[in-house]
Amino acid sequence: MNRVIIICEGETEKEFCNKILAPYFATKEIYIQSPLIKKTMGGIVKWPELKNQILLHLKSDPTSYVTTLIDYYGIYKKFDFPNWETSEIQPDKNKRMEILEEGMHSDIKDSYRYRYIPYIQLHEFEGLLFNNIKVFHEQIPPDDLIRVNELEAVFSEFDNPEMINNHKDTAPSKRLKRIIRGYNKIVYGNILAESIGLERLREKSPRFNFWLNRIEKIRD
């Protein structure tokens, strides 16, 4: 069985990997582990620190693959990610992520690089949850779904949940806090993701789907 270590930015991503991704990939004989970013036990860190953790995993098990599940939202110039300045002048957000991921990949030593799959979630993991408006109505108690008009506006504006923007007031997680009373990102993230299902998550989020396809291909 192949082993893939997904370094997670936070508890929400870790829970998603444990509850949704791990059972799915187990059927394909791929074993998923999902440690948090070490320096802060969750939360984005500077690239050199994240790089050290990536290398530590790659060196400790010469048969495993390593990838990341981190949000583009919250990464700034001060975090020293490779190709940052080049990426920032690229208006196409998907290409911007490709530039950053290429920089991350190239910054890993040749002898380990082939087992490293860089991935940055555009814009934020919580964006994936804006997949099916019916799921919100089915899973969130009516009294807690307090801004239905905003929820409907999000679905009207964005066909691709990954394109929900990353401004401090309009990032997916910020929207969810306004829409759902008492929003707990770990609890509700897991409830919504499970209810949507991995297949539908992949259908509406092409970058996320491409990442999972790359993991699936390590079997070959």
N, C-alpha and C. Protein backbone atom coordinates (compact mmCIF):
# COMPACT_ATOMS: atom_id res chain seq x y z
N MET A 1 0.84 -1.20 0.00
CA MET A 1 0.00 0.00 0.00
C MET A 1 0.88 1.25 0.00
N ASN A 2 0.58 2.18 -0.89
CA ASN A 2 1.31 3.44 -0.94
C ASN A 2 0.89 4.35 0.21
N ARG A 3 1.84 5.14 0.70
CA ARG A 3 1.54 6.07 1.78
C ARG A 3 1.70 7.51 1.29
N VAL A 4 0.70 8.33 1.57
CA VAL A 4 0.75 9.75 1.22
C VAL A 4 0.54 10.57 2.49
N ILE A 5 1.48 11.44 2.75
CA ILE A 5 1.41 12.33 3.91
C ILE A 5 0.91 13.69 3.43
N ILE A 6 -0.26 14.09 3.91
CA ILE A 6 -0.84 15.38 3.55
C ILE A 6 -0.62 16.33 4.73
N ILE A 7 0.30 17.26 4.59
CA ILE A 7 0.55 18.23 5.65
C ILE A 7 -0.56 19.27 5.63
N CYS A 8 -1.29 19.35 6.73
CA CYS A 8 -2.50 20.18 6.79
C CYS A 8 -2.26 21.51 7.50
N GLU A 9 -2.90 22.54 6.99
CA GLU A 9 -2.76 23.86 7.61
C GLU A 9 -3.46 23.92 8.97
N GLY A 10 -4.58 23.23 9.13
CA GLY A 10 -5.32 23.32 10.38
C GLY A 10 -6.17 22.10 10.65
N GLU A 11 -6.89 22.18 11.78
CA GLU A 11 -7.71 21.05 12.21
C GLU A 11 -8.85 20.74 11.24
N THR A 12 -9.37 21.78 10.57
CA THR A 12 -10.46 21.57 9.62
C THR A 12 -9.98 20.69 8.47
N GLU A 13 -8.81 21.02 7.93
CA GLU A 13 -8.25 20.24 6.83
C GLU A 13 -7.89 18.83 7.29
N LYS A 14 -7.35 18.74 8.49
CA LYS A 14 -6.98 17.42 9.03
C LYS A 14 -8.20 16.52 9.18
N GLU A 15 -9.28 17.09 9.72
CA GLU A 15 -10.52 16.33 9.88
C GLU A 15 -11.06 15.88 8.52
N PHE A 16 -10.98 16.75 7.54
CA PHE A 16 -11.43 16.42 6.19
C PHE A 16 -10.61 15.26 5.62
N CYS A 17 -9.32 15.31 5.81
CA CYS A 17 -8.46 14.23 5.32
C CYS A 17 -8.80 12.91 6.01
N ASN A 18 -9.01 12.96 7.32
CA ASN A 18 -9.29 11.74 8.08
C ASN A 18 -10.66 11.14 7.76
N LYS A 19 -11.66 12.01 7.63
CA LYS A 19 -13.04 11.52 7.48
C LYS A 19 -13.45 11.30 6.02
N ILE A 20 -12.88 12.08 5.11
CA ILE A 20 -13.33 12.01 3.71
C ILE A 20 -12.27 11.39 2.80
N LEU A 21 -11.06 11.92 2.84
CA LEU A 21 -10.04 11.45 1.90
C LEU A 21 -9.48 10.08 2.26
N ALA A 22 -9.19 9.85 3.54
CA ALA A 22 -8.56 8.59 3.93
C ALA A 22 -9.39 7.37 3.56
N PRO A 23 -10.69 7.34 3.87
CA PRO A 23 -11.49 6.16 3.48
C PRO A 23 -11.56 5.97 1.96
N TYR A 24 -11.64 7.08 1.24
CA TYR A 24 -11.71 7.00 -0.23
C TYR A 24 -10.43 6.40 -0.80
N PHE A 25 -9.29 6.92 -0.37
CA PHE A 25 -8.02 6.44 -0.92
C PHE A 25 -7.66 5.04 -0.43
N ALA A 26 -8.18 4.65 0.73
CA ALA A 26 -7.92 3.29 1.22
C ALA A 26 -8.45 2.25 0.24
N THR A 27 -9.55 2.57 -0.43
CA THR A 27 -10.11 1.65 -1.42
C THR A 27 -9.21 1.51 -2.63
N LYS A 28 -8.30 2.44 -2.78
CA LYS A 28 -7.35 2.41 -3.89
C LYS A 28 -5.95 2.02 -3.44
N GLU A 29 -5.89 1.48 -2.22
CA GLU A 29 -4.64 1.02 -1.62
C GLU A 29 -3.64 2.15 -1.46
N ILE A 30 -4.14 3.31 -1.10
CA ILE A 30 -3.31 4.46 -0.77
C ILE A 30 -3.64 4.86 0.66
N TYR A 31 -2.62 4.84 1.54
CA TYR A 31 -2.82 5.13 2.95
C TYR A 31 -2.50 6.60 3.20
N ILE A 32 -3.46 7.32 3.77
CA ILE A 32 -3.33 8.76 4.01
C ILE A 32 -2.98 9.04 5.47
N GLN A 33 -1.97 9.86 5.68
CA GLN A 33 -1.67 10.43 6.99
C GLN A 33 -1.77 11.95 6.87
N SER A 34 -2.23 12.61 7.93
CA SER A 34 -2.50 14.05 7.82
C SER A 34 -1.99 14.83 9.04
N PRO A 35 -0.68 14.97 9.17
CA PRO A 35 -0.14 15.77 10.28
C PRO A 35 -0.39 17.26 10.05
N LEU A 36 -0.47 18.00 11.15
CA LEU A 36 -0.57 19.45 11.05
C LEU A 36 0.80 20.06 10.78
N ILE A 37 0.81 21.28 10.29
CA ILE A 37 2.06 22.03 10.18
C ILE A 37 2.68 22.09 11.57
N LYS A 38 3.94 21.75 11.69
CA LYS A 38 4.56 21.55 13.00
C LYS A 38 4.79 22.82 13.79
N LYS A 39 5.31 23.83 13.15
CA LYS A 39 5.79 25.01 13.88
C LYS A 39 4.71 25.60 14.78
N THR A 40 3.48 25.62 14.30
CA THR A 40 2.39 26.23 15.05
C THR A 40 1.33 25.21 15.45
N MET A 41 1.57 23.93 15.14
CA MET A 41 0.53 22.90 15.31
C MET A 41 -0.74 23.33 14.58
N GLY A 42 -0.55 23.80 13.38
CA GLY A 42 -1.64 24.30 12.55
C GLY A 42 -1.48 25.78 12.33
N GLY A 43 -1.79 26.22 11.13
CA GLY A 43 -1.60 27.63 10.79
C GLY A 43 -0.40 27.77 9.87
N ILE A 44 -0.54 28.64 8.88
CA ILE A 44 0.50 28.78 7.88
C ILE A 44 1.79 29.32 8.50
N VAL A 45 2.91 28.87 8.00
CA VAL A 45 4.23 29.31 8.45
C VAL A 45 5.04 29.74 7.22
N LYS A 46 6.20 30.29 7.46
CA LYS A 46 7.08 30.66 6.35
C LYS A 46 7.50 29.42 5.58
N TRP A 47 7.73 29.60 4.28
CA TRP A 47 8.08 28.48 3.43
C TRP A 47 9.28 27.69 3.94
N PRO A 48 10.39 28.33 4.38
CA PRO A 48 11.53 27.53 4.84
C PRO A 48 11.16 26.54 5.95
N GLU A 49 10.24 26.93 6.84
CA GLU A 49 9.83 26.03 7.91
C GLU A 49 8.95 24.90 7.38
N LEU A 50 8.04 25.23 6.47
CA LEU A 50 7.21 24.21 5.85
C LEU A 50 8.06 23.26 5.01
N LYS A 51 9.01 23.82 4.30
CA LYS A 51 9.93 23.01 3.49
C LYS A 51 10.68 22.00 4.36
N ASN A 52 11.12 22.43 5.53
CA ASN A 52 11.84 21.52 6.43
C ASN A 52 10.97 20.35 6.84
N GLN A 53 9.69 20.60 7.09
CA GLN A 53 8.79 19.52 7.46
C GLN A 53 8.55 18.58 6.29
N ILE A 54 8.41 19.14 5.10
CA ILE A 54 8.24 18.32 3.90
C ILE A 54 9.45 17.39 3.73
N LEU A 55 10.63 17.95 3.85
CA LEU A 55 11.86 17.16 3.68
C LEU A 55 12.00 16.10 4.77
N LEU A 56 11.61 16.45 5.98
CA LEU A 56 11.70 15.49 7.08
C LEU A 56 10.88 14.25 6.78
N HIS A 57 9.68 14.44 6.27
CA HIS A 57 8.83 13.30 5.93
C HIS A 57 9.39 12.52 4.74
N LEU A 58 9.88 13.24 3.75
CA LEU A 58 10.43 12.57 2.57
C LEU A 58 11.67 11.74 2.92
N LYS A 59 12.48 12.24 3.84
CA LYS A 59 13.71 11.54 4.23
C LYS A 59 13.42 10.37 5.16
N SER A 60 12.39 10.50 6.00
CA SER A 60 12.13 9.46 7.01
C SER A 60 11.54 8.19 6.41
N ASP A 61 10.89 8.31 5.26
CA ASP A 61 10.30 7.15 4.59
C ASP A 61 10.53 7.28 3.09
N PRO A 62 11.50 6.56 2.55
CA PRO A 62 11.85 6.70 1.13
C PRO A 62 10.80 6.16 0.17
N THR A 63 9.72 5.61 0.69
CA THR A 63 8.66 5.09 -0.19
C THR A 63 7.41 5.98 -0.17
N SER A 64 7.34 6.91 0.76
CA SER A 64 6.13 7.72 0.90
C SER A 64 6.16 8.93 -0.02
N TYR A 65 4.98 9.46 -0.27
CA TYR A 65 4.81 10.71 -1.00
C TYR A 65 4.32 11.78 -0.01
N VAL A 66 4.65 13.02 -0.30
CA VAL A 66 4.25 14.12 0.57
C VAL A 66 3.55 15.19 -0.25
N THR A 67 2.46 15.71 0.28
CA THR A 67 1.77 16.81 -0.35
C THR A 67 1.30 17.78 0.73
N THR A 68 0.65 18.85 0.32
CA THR A 68 0.21 19.87 1.28
C THR A 68 -1.26 20.21 1.02
N LEU A 69 -1.96 20.58 2.09
CA LEU A 69 -3.31 21.12 1.97
C LEU A 69 -3.32 22.42 2.76
N ILE A 70 -2.91 23.50 2.07
CA ILE A 70 -2.81 24.81 2.70
C ILE A 70 -3.60 25.82 1.86
N ASP A 71 -4.08 26.87 2.52
CA ASP A 71 -4.89 27.88 1.84
C ASP A 71 -4.03 29.00 1.28
N TYR A 72 -4.41 29.45 0.08
CA TYR A 72 -3.78 30.65 -0.47
C TYR A 72 -4.13 31.86 0.39
N TYR A 73 -5.35 31.89 0.88
CA TYR A 73 -5.78 32.97 1.76
C TYR A 73 -4.92 32.94 3.03
N GLY A 74 -4.27 34.05 3.32
CA GLY A 74 -3.43 34.13 4.51
C GLY A 74 -1.94 34.01 4.22
N ILE A 75 -1.58 33.69 2.98
CA ILE A 75 -0.16 33.68 2.61
C ILE A 75 0.20 35.06 2.06
N TYR A 76 1.26 35.63 2.58
CA TYR A 76 1.71 36.95 2.15
C TYR A 76 3.18 36.90 1.76
N LYS A 77 3.66 37.99 1.24
CA LYS A 77 5.05 38.08 0.80
C LYS A 77 6.02 37.68 1.91
N LYS A 78 5.71 38.07 3.15
CA LYS A 78 6.61 37.83 4.28
C LYS A 78 6.83 36.34 4.56
N PHE A 79 5.99 35.48 3.97
CA PHE A 79 6.14 34.05 4.20
C PHE A 79 7.19 33.41 3.27
N ASP A 80 7.73 34.20 2.36
CA ASP A 80 8.89 33.78 1.55
C ASP A 80 8.65 32.54 0.69
N PHE A 81 7.44 32.41 0.14
CA PHE A 81 7.20 31.29 -0.76
C PHE A 81 7.90 31.55 -2.09
N PRO A 82 8.52 30.53 -2.68
CA PRO A 82 9.22 30.69 -3.96
C PRO A 82 8.27 31.21 -5.05
N ASN A 83 8.79 32.05 -5.90
CA ASN A 83 8.05 32.62 -7.05
C ASN A 83 6.93 33.57 -6.63
N TRP A 84 6.97 34.06 -5.38
CA TRP A 84 5.87 34.89 -4.89
C TRP A 84 5.67 36.13 -5.76
N GLU A 85 6.73 36.88 -6.01
CA GLU A 85 6.59 38.14 -6.75
C GLU A 85 6.12 37.89 -8.18
N THR A 86 6.62 36.83 -8.80
CA THR A 86 6.18 36.49 -10.15
C THR A 86 4.70 36.12 -10.16
N SER A 87 4.28 35.40 -9.15
CA SER A 87 2.88 34.96 -9.10
C SER A 87 1.93 36.14 -8.90
N GLU A 88 2.33 37.14 -8.13
CA GLU A 88 1.44 38.23 -7.77
C GLU A 88 1.08 39.13 -8.95
N ILE A 89 1.88 39.12 -9.99
CA ILE A 89 1.56 39.95 -11.15
C ILE A 89 0.73 39.19 -12.19
N GLN A 90 0.43 37.93 -11.87
CA GLN A 90 -0.39 37.10 -12.76
C GLN A 90 -1.86 37.28 -12.37
N PRO A 91 -2.67 37.85 -13.26
CA PRO A 91 -4.07 38.11 -12.91
C PRO A 91 -4.93 36.84 -12.81
N ASP A 92 -4.58 35.82 -13.57
CA ASP A 92 -5.34 34.57 -13.54
C ASP A 92 -4.96 33.81 -12.26
N LYS A 93 -5.92 33.64 -11.37
CA LYS A 93 -5.63 33.03 -10.07
C LYS A 93 -5.19 31.57 -10.18
N ASN A 94 -5.74 30.84 -11.13
CA ASN A 94 -5.31 29.46 -11.31
C ASN A 94 -3.85 29.38 -11.74
N LYS A 95 -3.46 30.24 -12.68
CA LYS A 95 -2.07 30.27 -13.11
C LYS A 95 -1.16 30.75 -11.99
N ARG A 96 -1.70 31.65 -11.16
CA ARG A 96 -0.93 32.14 -10.01
C ARG A 96 -0.57 30.98 -9.08
N MET A 97 -1.55 30.10 -8.84
CA MET A 97 -1.29 28.93 -7.99
C MET A 97 -0.27 28.00 -8.64
N GLU A 98 -0.36 27.85 -9.95
CA GLU A 98 0.59 26.99 -10.66
C GLU A 98 2.01 27.52 -10.52
N ILE A 99 2.17 28.83 -10.58
CA ILE A 99 3.49 29.44 -10.44
C ILE A 99 4.05 29.19 -9.04
N LEU A 100 3.21 29.37 -8.04
CA LEU A 100 3.65 29.13 -6.66
C LEU A 100 3.99 27.66 -6.43
N GLU A 101 3.14 26.78 -6.92
CA GLU A 101 3.38 25.35 -6.73
C GLU A 101 4.63 24.90 -7.48
N GLU A 102 4.87 25.46 -8.65
CA GLU A 102 6.09 25.14 -9.39
C GLU A 102 7.32 25.57 -8.59
N GLY A 103 7.23 26.75 -7.96
CA GLY A 103 8.34 27.23 -7.14
C GLY A 103 8.58 26.33 -5.95
N MET A 104 7.52 25.90 -5.30
CA MET A 104 7.65 25.01 -4.15
C MET A 104 8.29 23.68 -4.57
N HIS A 105 7.82 23.16 -5.69
CA HIS A 105 8.35 21.89 -6.18
C HIS A 105 9.83 22.00 -6.53
N SER A 106 10.20 23.06 -7.21
CA SER A 106 11.58 23.24 -7.65
C SER A 106 12.53 23.46 -6.49
N ASP A 107 12.00 23.93 -5.36
CA ASP A 107 12.84 24.22 -4.20
C ASP A 107 13.14 22.99 -3.36
N ILE A 108 12.57 21.85 -3.72
CA ILE A 108 12.87 20.59 -3.04
C ILE A 108 14.00 19.88 -3.79
N LYS A 109 14.94 19.36 -3.06
CA LYS A 109 16.12 18.71 -3.64
C LYS A 109 15.71 17.64 -4.66
N ASP A 110 16.50 17.57 -5.75
CA ASP A 110 16.19 16.66 -6.86
C ASP A 110 15.88 15.23 -6.42
N SER A 111 16.64 14.72 -5.48
CA SER A 111 16.51 13.31 -5.10
C SER A 111 15.20 13.01 -4.37
N TYR A 112 14.51 14.04 -3.90
CA TYR A 112 13.24 13.84 -3.20
C TYR A 112 12.05 14.39 -3.98
N ARG A 113 12.33 15.24 -4.94
CA ARG A 113 11.28 16.02 -5.60
C ARG A 113 10.19 15.17 -6.24
N TYR A 114 10.56 14.01 -6.78
CA TYR A 114 9.59 13.21 -7.52
C TYR A 114 8.50 12.64 -6.59
N ARG A 115 8.75 12.68 -5.28
CA ARG A 115 7.76 12.19 -4.31
C ARG A 115 7.03 13.32 -3.61
N TYR A 116 7.16 14.51 -4.13
CA TYR A 116 6.50 15.67 -3.53
C TYR A 116 5.48 16.26 -4.50
N ILE A 117 4.25 16.43 -4.02
CA ILE A 117 3.16 17.00 -4.82
C ILE A 117 2.70 18.28 -4.15
N PRO A 118 3.16 19.45 -4.60
CA PRO A 118 2.74 20.69 -3.95
C PRO A 118 1.28 21.00 -4.27
N TYR A 119 0.59 21.53 -3.27
CA TYR A 119 -0.80 21.94 -3.51
C TYR A 119 -1.19 23.08 -2.59
N ILE A 120 -1.76 24.13 -3.19
CA ILE A 120 -2.32 25.25 -2.45
C ILE A 120 -3.79 25.34 -2.83
N GLN A 121 -4.66 25.37 -1.83
CA GLN A 121 -6.09 25.47 -2.10
C GLN A 121 -6.47 26.91 -2.44
N LEU A 122 -7.09 27.08 -3.57
CA LEU A 122 -7.58 28.39 -4.01
C LEU A 122 -9.08 28.49 -3.69
N HIS A 123 -9.45 29.50 -2.92
CA HIS A 123 -8.66 30.42 -2.12
C HIS A 123 -8.49 29.86 -0.71
N GLU A 124 -9.44 29.05 -0.33
CA GLU A 124 -9.52 28.58 1.04
C GLU A 124 -10.31 27.27 1.06
N PHE A 125 -9.93 26.37 1.95
CA PHE A 125 -10.62 25.08 2.04
C PHE A 125 -12.13 25.25 2.15
N GLU A 126 -12.55 26.22 2.95
CA GLU A 126 -13.98 26.41 3.17
C GLU A 126 -14.75 26.75 1.90
N GLY A 127 -14.05 27.25 0.88
CA GLY A 127 -14.70 27.53 -0.39
C GLY A 127 -15.33 26.28 -1.00
N LEU A 128 -14.71 25.13 -0.79
CA LEU A 128 -15.23 23.88 -1.34
C LEU A 128 -16.63 23.57 -0.84
N LEU A 129 -16.96 24.09 0.33
CA LEU A 129 -18.24 23.78 0.96
C LEU A 129 -19.41 24.49 0.29
N PHE A 130 -19.12 25.53 -0.50
CA PHE A 130 -20.17 26.21 -1.26
C PHE A 130 -20.42 25.45 -2.55
N ASN A 131 -20.86 24.23 -2.40
CA ASN A 131 -21.00 23.31 -3.53
C ASN A 131 -22.45 23.11 -3.92
N ASN A 132 -23.31 22.96 -2.93
CA ASN A 132 -24.72 22.65 -3.18
C ASN A 132 -25.56 23.34 -2.10
N ILE A 133 -26.35 24.30 -2.51
CA ILE A 133 -27.11 25.10 -1.54
C ILE A 133 -28.13 24.24 -0.79
N LYS A 134 -28.61 23.17 -1.40
CA LYS A 134 -29.57 22.30 -0.72
C LYS A 134 -28.97 21.68 0.54
N VAL A 135 -27.67 21.40 0.49
CA VAL A 135 -27.01 20.79 1.64
C VAL A 135 -27.05 21.73 2.85
N PHE A 136 -26.90 23.02 2.61
CA PHE A 136 -26.99 23.98 3.72
C PHE A 136 -28.36 23.91 4.38
N HIS A 137 -29.39 23.87 3.56
CA HIS A 137 -30.75 23.83 4.10
C HIS A 137 -31.06 22.50 4.77
N GLU A 138 -30.43 21.43 4.29
CA GLU A 138 -30.68 20.11 4.87
C GLU A 138 -29.93 19.89 6.18
N GLN A 139 -28.73 20.49 6.29
CA GLN A 139 -27.86 20.17 7.41
C GLN A 139 -27.79 21.25 8.49
N ILE A 140 -28.14 22.47 8.16
CA ILE A 140 -28.07 23.55 9.14
C ILE A 140 -29.47 23.85 9.66
N PRO A 141 -29.68 23.85 10.98
CA PRO A 141 -31.00 24.17 11.52
C PRO A 141 -31.47 25.53 11.01
N PRO A 142 -32.73 25.66 10.63
CA PRO A 142 -33.24 26.91 10.05
C PRO A 142 -32.95 28.14 10.91
N ASP A 143 -33.01 28.00 12.22
CA ASP A 143 -32.76 29.14 13.10
C ASP A 143 -31.30 29.57 13.08
N ASP A 144 -30.41 28.67 12.64
CA ASP A 144 -28.98 28.99 12.60
C ASP A 144 -28.53 29.48 11.23
N LEU A 145 -29.38 29.30 10.24
CA LEU A 145 -29.07 29.78 8.89
C LEU A 145 -29.62 31.20 8.79
N ILE A 146 -28.81 32.17 9.25
CA ILE A 146 -29.33 33.50 9.53
C ILE A 146 -29.20 34.50 8.39
N ARG A 147 -28.41 34.18 7.37
CA ARG A 147 -28.28 35.12 6.25
C ARG A 147 -28.44 34.35 4.94
N VAL A 148 -29.66 33.90 4.72
CA VAL A 148 -29.97 33.11 3.53
C VAL A 148 -29.75 33.92 2.27
N ASN A 149 -30.04 35.21 2.31
CA ASN A 149 -29.85 36.05 1.12
C ASN A 149 -28.39 36.08 0.69
N GLU A 150 -27.49 36.16 1.66
CA GLU A 150 -26.05 36.14 1.32
C GLU A 150 -25.65 34.78 0.78
N LEU A 151 -26.17 33.73 1.37
CA LEU A 151 -25.88 32.37 0.89
C LEU A 151 -26.31 32.23 -0.57
N GLU A 152 -27.51 32.67 -0.88
CA GLU A 152 -28.02 32.58 -2.25
C GLU A 152 -27.19 33.43 -3.21
N ALA A 153 -26.73 34.59 -2.74
CA ALA A 153 -25.92 35.49 -3.58
C ALA A 153 -24.59 34.84 -3.94
N VAL A 154 -24.00 34.11 -3.00
CA VAL A 154 -22.73 33.43 -3.27
C VAL A 154 -22.91 32.40 -4.38
N PHE A 155 -23.95 31.60 -4.28
CA PHE A 155 -24.18 30.57 -5.29
C PHE A 155 -24.54 31.18 -6.64
N SER A 156 -25.18 32.32 -6.61
CA SER A 156 -25.53 33.00 -7.86
C SER A 156 -24.30 33.57 -8.54
N GLU A 157 -23.34 34.02 -7.76
CA GLU A 157 -22.16 34.70 -8.32
C GLU A 157 -21.06 33.73 -8.75
N PHE A 158 -20.91 32.60 -8.04
CA PHE A 158 -19.77 31.71 -8.28
C PHE A 158 -20.22 30.31 -8.69
N ASP A 159 -19.91 29.92 -9.93
CA ASP A 159 -20.14 28.55 -10.36
C ASP A 159 -19.06 27.62 -9.81
N ASN A 160 -17.85 28.16 -9.75
CA ASN A 160 -16.71 27.41 -9.23
C ASN A 160 -16.41 27.91 -7.82
N PRO A 161 -16.65 27.07 -6.79
CA PRO A 161 -16.43 27.51 -5.41
C PRO A 161 -15.00 27.97 -5.13
N GLU A 162 -14.05 27.47 -5.91
CA GLU A 162 -12.65 27.85 -5.68
C GLU A 162 -12.38 29.31 -6.00
N MET A 163 -13.27 29.94 -6.72
CA MET A 163 -13.05 31.33 -7.13
C MET A 163 -13.63 32.34 -6.14
N ILE A 164 -14.26 31.85 -5.06
CA ILE A 164 -14.76 32.78 -4.05
C ILE A 164 -13.57 33.49 -3.45
N ASN A 165 -13.59 34.82 -3.47
CA ASN A 165 -12.36 35.58 -3.27
C ASN A 165 -11.86 35.62 -1.84
N ASN A 166 -10.63 36.17 -1.71
CA ASN A 166 -9.91 36.04 -0.44
C ASN A 166 -9.72 37.35 0.31
N HIS A 167 -10.62 38.29 0.11
CA HIS A 167 -10.57 39.52 0.90
C HIS A 167 -10.94 39.19 2.35
N LYS A 168 -10.47 40.00 3.28
CA LYS A 168 -10.70 39.69 4.70
C LYS A 168 -12.18 39.64 5.07
N ASP A 169 -13.03 40.29 4.28
CA ASP A 169 -14.46 40.27 4.57
C ASP A 169 -15.24 39.29 3.70
N THR A 170 -14.63 38.83 2.62
CA THR A 170 -15.38 37.99 1.68
C THR A 170 -14.76 36.61 1.46
N ALA A 171 -13.73 36.28 2.21
CA ALA A 171 -13.17 34.93 2.14
C ALA A 171 -14.25 33.92 2.54
N PRO A 172 -14.20 32.71 2.02
CA PRO A 172 -15.25 31.73 2.32
C PRO A 172 -15.54 31.54 3.80
N SER A 173 -14.49 31.46 4.62
CA SER A 173 -14.70 31.25 6.05
C SER A 173 -15.41 32.43 6.70
N LYS A 174 -15.10 33.64 6.23
CA LYS A 174 -15.76 34.84 6.77
C LYS A 174 -17.23 34.84 6.40
N ARG A 175 -17.54 34.42 5.19
CA ARG A 175 -18.94 34.34 4.76
C ARG A 175 -19.71 33.32 5.60
N LEU A 176 -19.10 32.17 5.84
CA LEU A 176 -19.76 31.13 6.61
C LEU A 176 -20.07 31.59 8.03
N LYS A 177 -19.17 32.36 8.61
CA LYS A 177 -19.40 32.87 9.97
C LYS A 177 -20.61 33.80 10.02
N ARG A 178 -20.82 34.53 8.92
CA ARG A 178 -21.98 35.42 8.89
C ARG A 178 -23.27 34.67 8.58
N ILE A 179 -23.16 33.64 7.76
CA ILE A 179 -24.34 32.92 7.29
C ILE A 179 -24.88 31.94 8.34
N ILE A 180 -23.96 31.32 9.10
CA ILE A 180 -24.35 30.29 10.06
C ILE A 180 -24.11 30.78 11.49
N ARG A 181 -25.15 30.85 12.27
CA ARG A 181 -25.01 31.26 13.67
C ARG A 181 -24.19 30.21 14.43
N GLY A 182 -23.21 30.68 15.20
CA GLY A 182 -22.39 29.77 15.98
C GLY A 182 -21.51 28.87 15.14
N TYR A 183 -21.12 29.36 13.98
CA TYR A 183 -20.33 28.54 13.04
C TYR A 183 -19.04 28.04 13.68
N ASN A 184 -18.86 26.74 13.66
CA ASN A 184 -17.64 26.08 14.10
C ASN A 184 -17.03 25.41 12.88
N LYS A 185 -15.87 25.89 12.45
CA LYS A 185 -15.36 25.45 11.15
C LYS A 185 -15.03 23.96 11.10
N ILE A 186 -14.60 23.39 12.22
CA ILE A 186 -14.27 21.96 12.20
C ILE A 186 -15.55 21.14 12.13
N VAL A 187 -16.51 21.46 13.00
CA VAL A 187 -17.77 20.69 13.05
C VAL A 187 -18.56 20.85 11.76
N TYR A 188 -18.82 22.10 11.37
CA TYR A 188 -19.65 22.33 10.19
C TYR A 188 -18.91 21.97 8.91
N GLY A 189 -17.61 22.17 8.90
CA GLY A 189 -16.84 21.78 7.72
C GLY A 189 -16.98 20.31 7.42
N ASN A 190 -16.92 19.50 8.48
CA ASN A 190 -17.04 18.06 8.32
C ASN A 190 -18.47 17.66 7.94
N ILE A 191 -19.47 18.30 8.59
CA ILE A 191 -20.87 17.98 8.29
C ILE A 191 -21.20 18.28 6.83
N LEU A 192 -20.81 19.47 6.38
CA LEU A 192 -21.13 19.87 5.01
C LEU A 192 -20.37 19.03 3.99
N ALA A 193 -19.09 18.79 4.24
CA ALA A 193 -18.28 18.02 3.29
C ALA A 193 -18.82 16.59 3.15
N GLU A 194 -19.16 15.97 4.27
CA GLU A 194 -19.70 14.61 4.21
C GLU A 194 -21.03 14.57 3.48
N SER A 195 -21.85 15.58 3.71
CA SER A 195 -23.17 15.61 3.08
C SER A 195 -23.07 15.86 1.58
N ILE A 196 -22.12 16.69 1.18
CA ILE A 196 -21.91 16.96 -0.25
C ILE A 196 -21.38 15.71 -0.94
N GLY A 197 -20.39 15.08 -0.32
CA GLY A 197 -19.75 13.91 -0.90
C GLY A 197 -18.57 14.29 -1.77
N LEU A 198 -17.58 13.42 -1.77
CA LEU A 198 -16.34 13.73 -2.47
C LEU A 198 -16.54 13.89 -3.98
N GLU A 199 -17.40 13.08 -4.55
CA GLU A 199 -17.61 13.15 -6.00
C GLU A 199 -18.13 14.52 -6.42
N ARG A 200 -19.10 15.04 -5.69
CA ARG A 200 -19.64 16.36 -6.04
C ARG A 200 -18.66 17.48 -5.72
N LEU A 201 -17.87 17.32 -4.67
CA LEU A 201 -16.83 18.31 -4.38
C LEU A 201 -15.87 18.41 -5.55
N ARG A 202 -15.50 17.28 -6.11
CA ARG A 202 -14.55 17.25 -7.22
C ARG A 202 -15.16 17.83 -8.49
N GLU A 203 -16.43 17.59 -8.70
CA GLU A 203 -17.08 18.04 -9.93
C GLU A 203 -17.07 19.57 -10.06
N LYS A 204 -17.22 20.27 -8.97
CA LYS A 204 -17.35 21.73 -9.03
C LYS A 204 -16.05 22.47 -8.75
N SER A 205 -15.00 21.76 -8.34
CA SER A 205 -13.74 22.41 -7.97
C SER A 205 -12.59 21.77 -8.74
N PRO A 206 -12.27 22.30 -9.92
CA PRO A 206 -11.31 21.64 -10.82
C PRO A 206 -9.89 21.54 -10.29
N ARG A 207 -9.41 22.55 -9.58
CA ARG A 207 -8.04 22.45 -9.05
C ARG A 207 -7.95 21.37 -7.98
N PHE A 208 -8.94 21.35 -7.12
CA PHE A 208 -9.01 20.32 -6.08
C PHE A 208 -9.07 18.94 -6.71
N ASN A 209 -9.87 18.78 -7.75
CA ASN A 209 -9.98 17.51 -8.45
C ASN A 209 -8.66 17.11 -9.09
N PHE A 210 -7.96 18.06 -9.69
CA PHE A 210 -6.67 17.78 -10.33
C PHE A 210 -5.66 17.28 -9.30
N TRP A 211 -5.68 17.88 -8.11
CA TRP A 211 -4.79 17.45 -7.03
C TRP A 211 -5.06 15.99 -6.64
N LEU A 212 -6.33 15.66 -6.47
CA LEU A 212 -6.67 14.28 -6.10
C LEU A 212 -6.31 13.30 -7.21
N ASN A 213 -6.46 13.73 -8.45
CA ASN A 213 -6.05 12.87 -9.57
C ASN A 213 -4.56 12.57 -9.51
N ARG A 214 -3.77 13.57 -9.14
CA ARG A 214 -2.32 13.37 -9.05
C ARG A 214 -1.97 12.36 -7.95
N ILE A 215 -2.70 12.43 -6.84
CA ILE A 215 -2.46 11.47 -5.76
C ILE A 215 -2.84 10.07 -6.22
N GLU A 216 -3.96 9.95 -6.91
CA GLU A 216 -4.40 8.64 -7.40
C GLU A 216 -3.39 8.01 -8.34
N LYS A 217 -2.68 8.82 -9.08
CA LYS A 217 -1.75 8.30 -10.09
C LYS A 217 -0.47 7.74 -9.50
N ILE A 218 -0.21 7.97 -8.21
CA ILE A 218 1.03 7.42 -7.66
C ILE A 218 0.99 5.89 -7.65
N ARG A 219 -0.18 5.32 -7.76
CA ARG A 219 -0.26 3.86 -7.83
C ARG A 219 0.44 3.32 -9.08
N ASP A 220 0.51 4.18 -10.10
CA ASP A 220 1.07 3.73 -11.37
C ASP A 220 2.58 3.88 -11.43
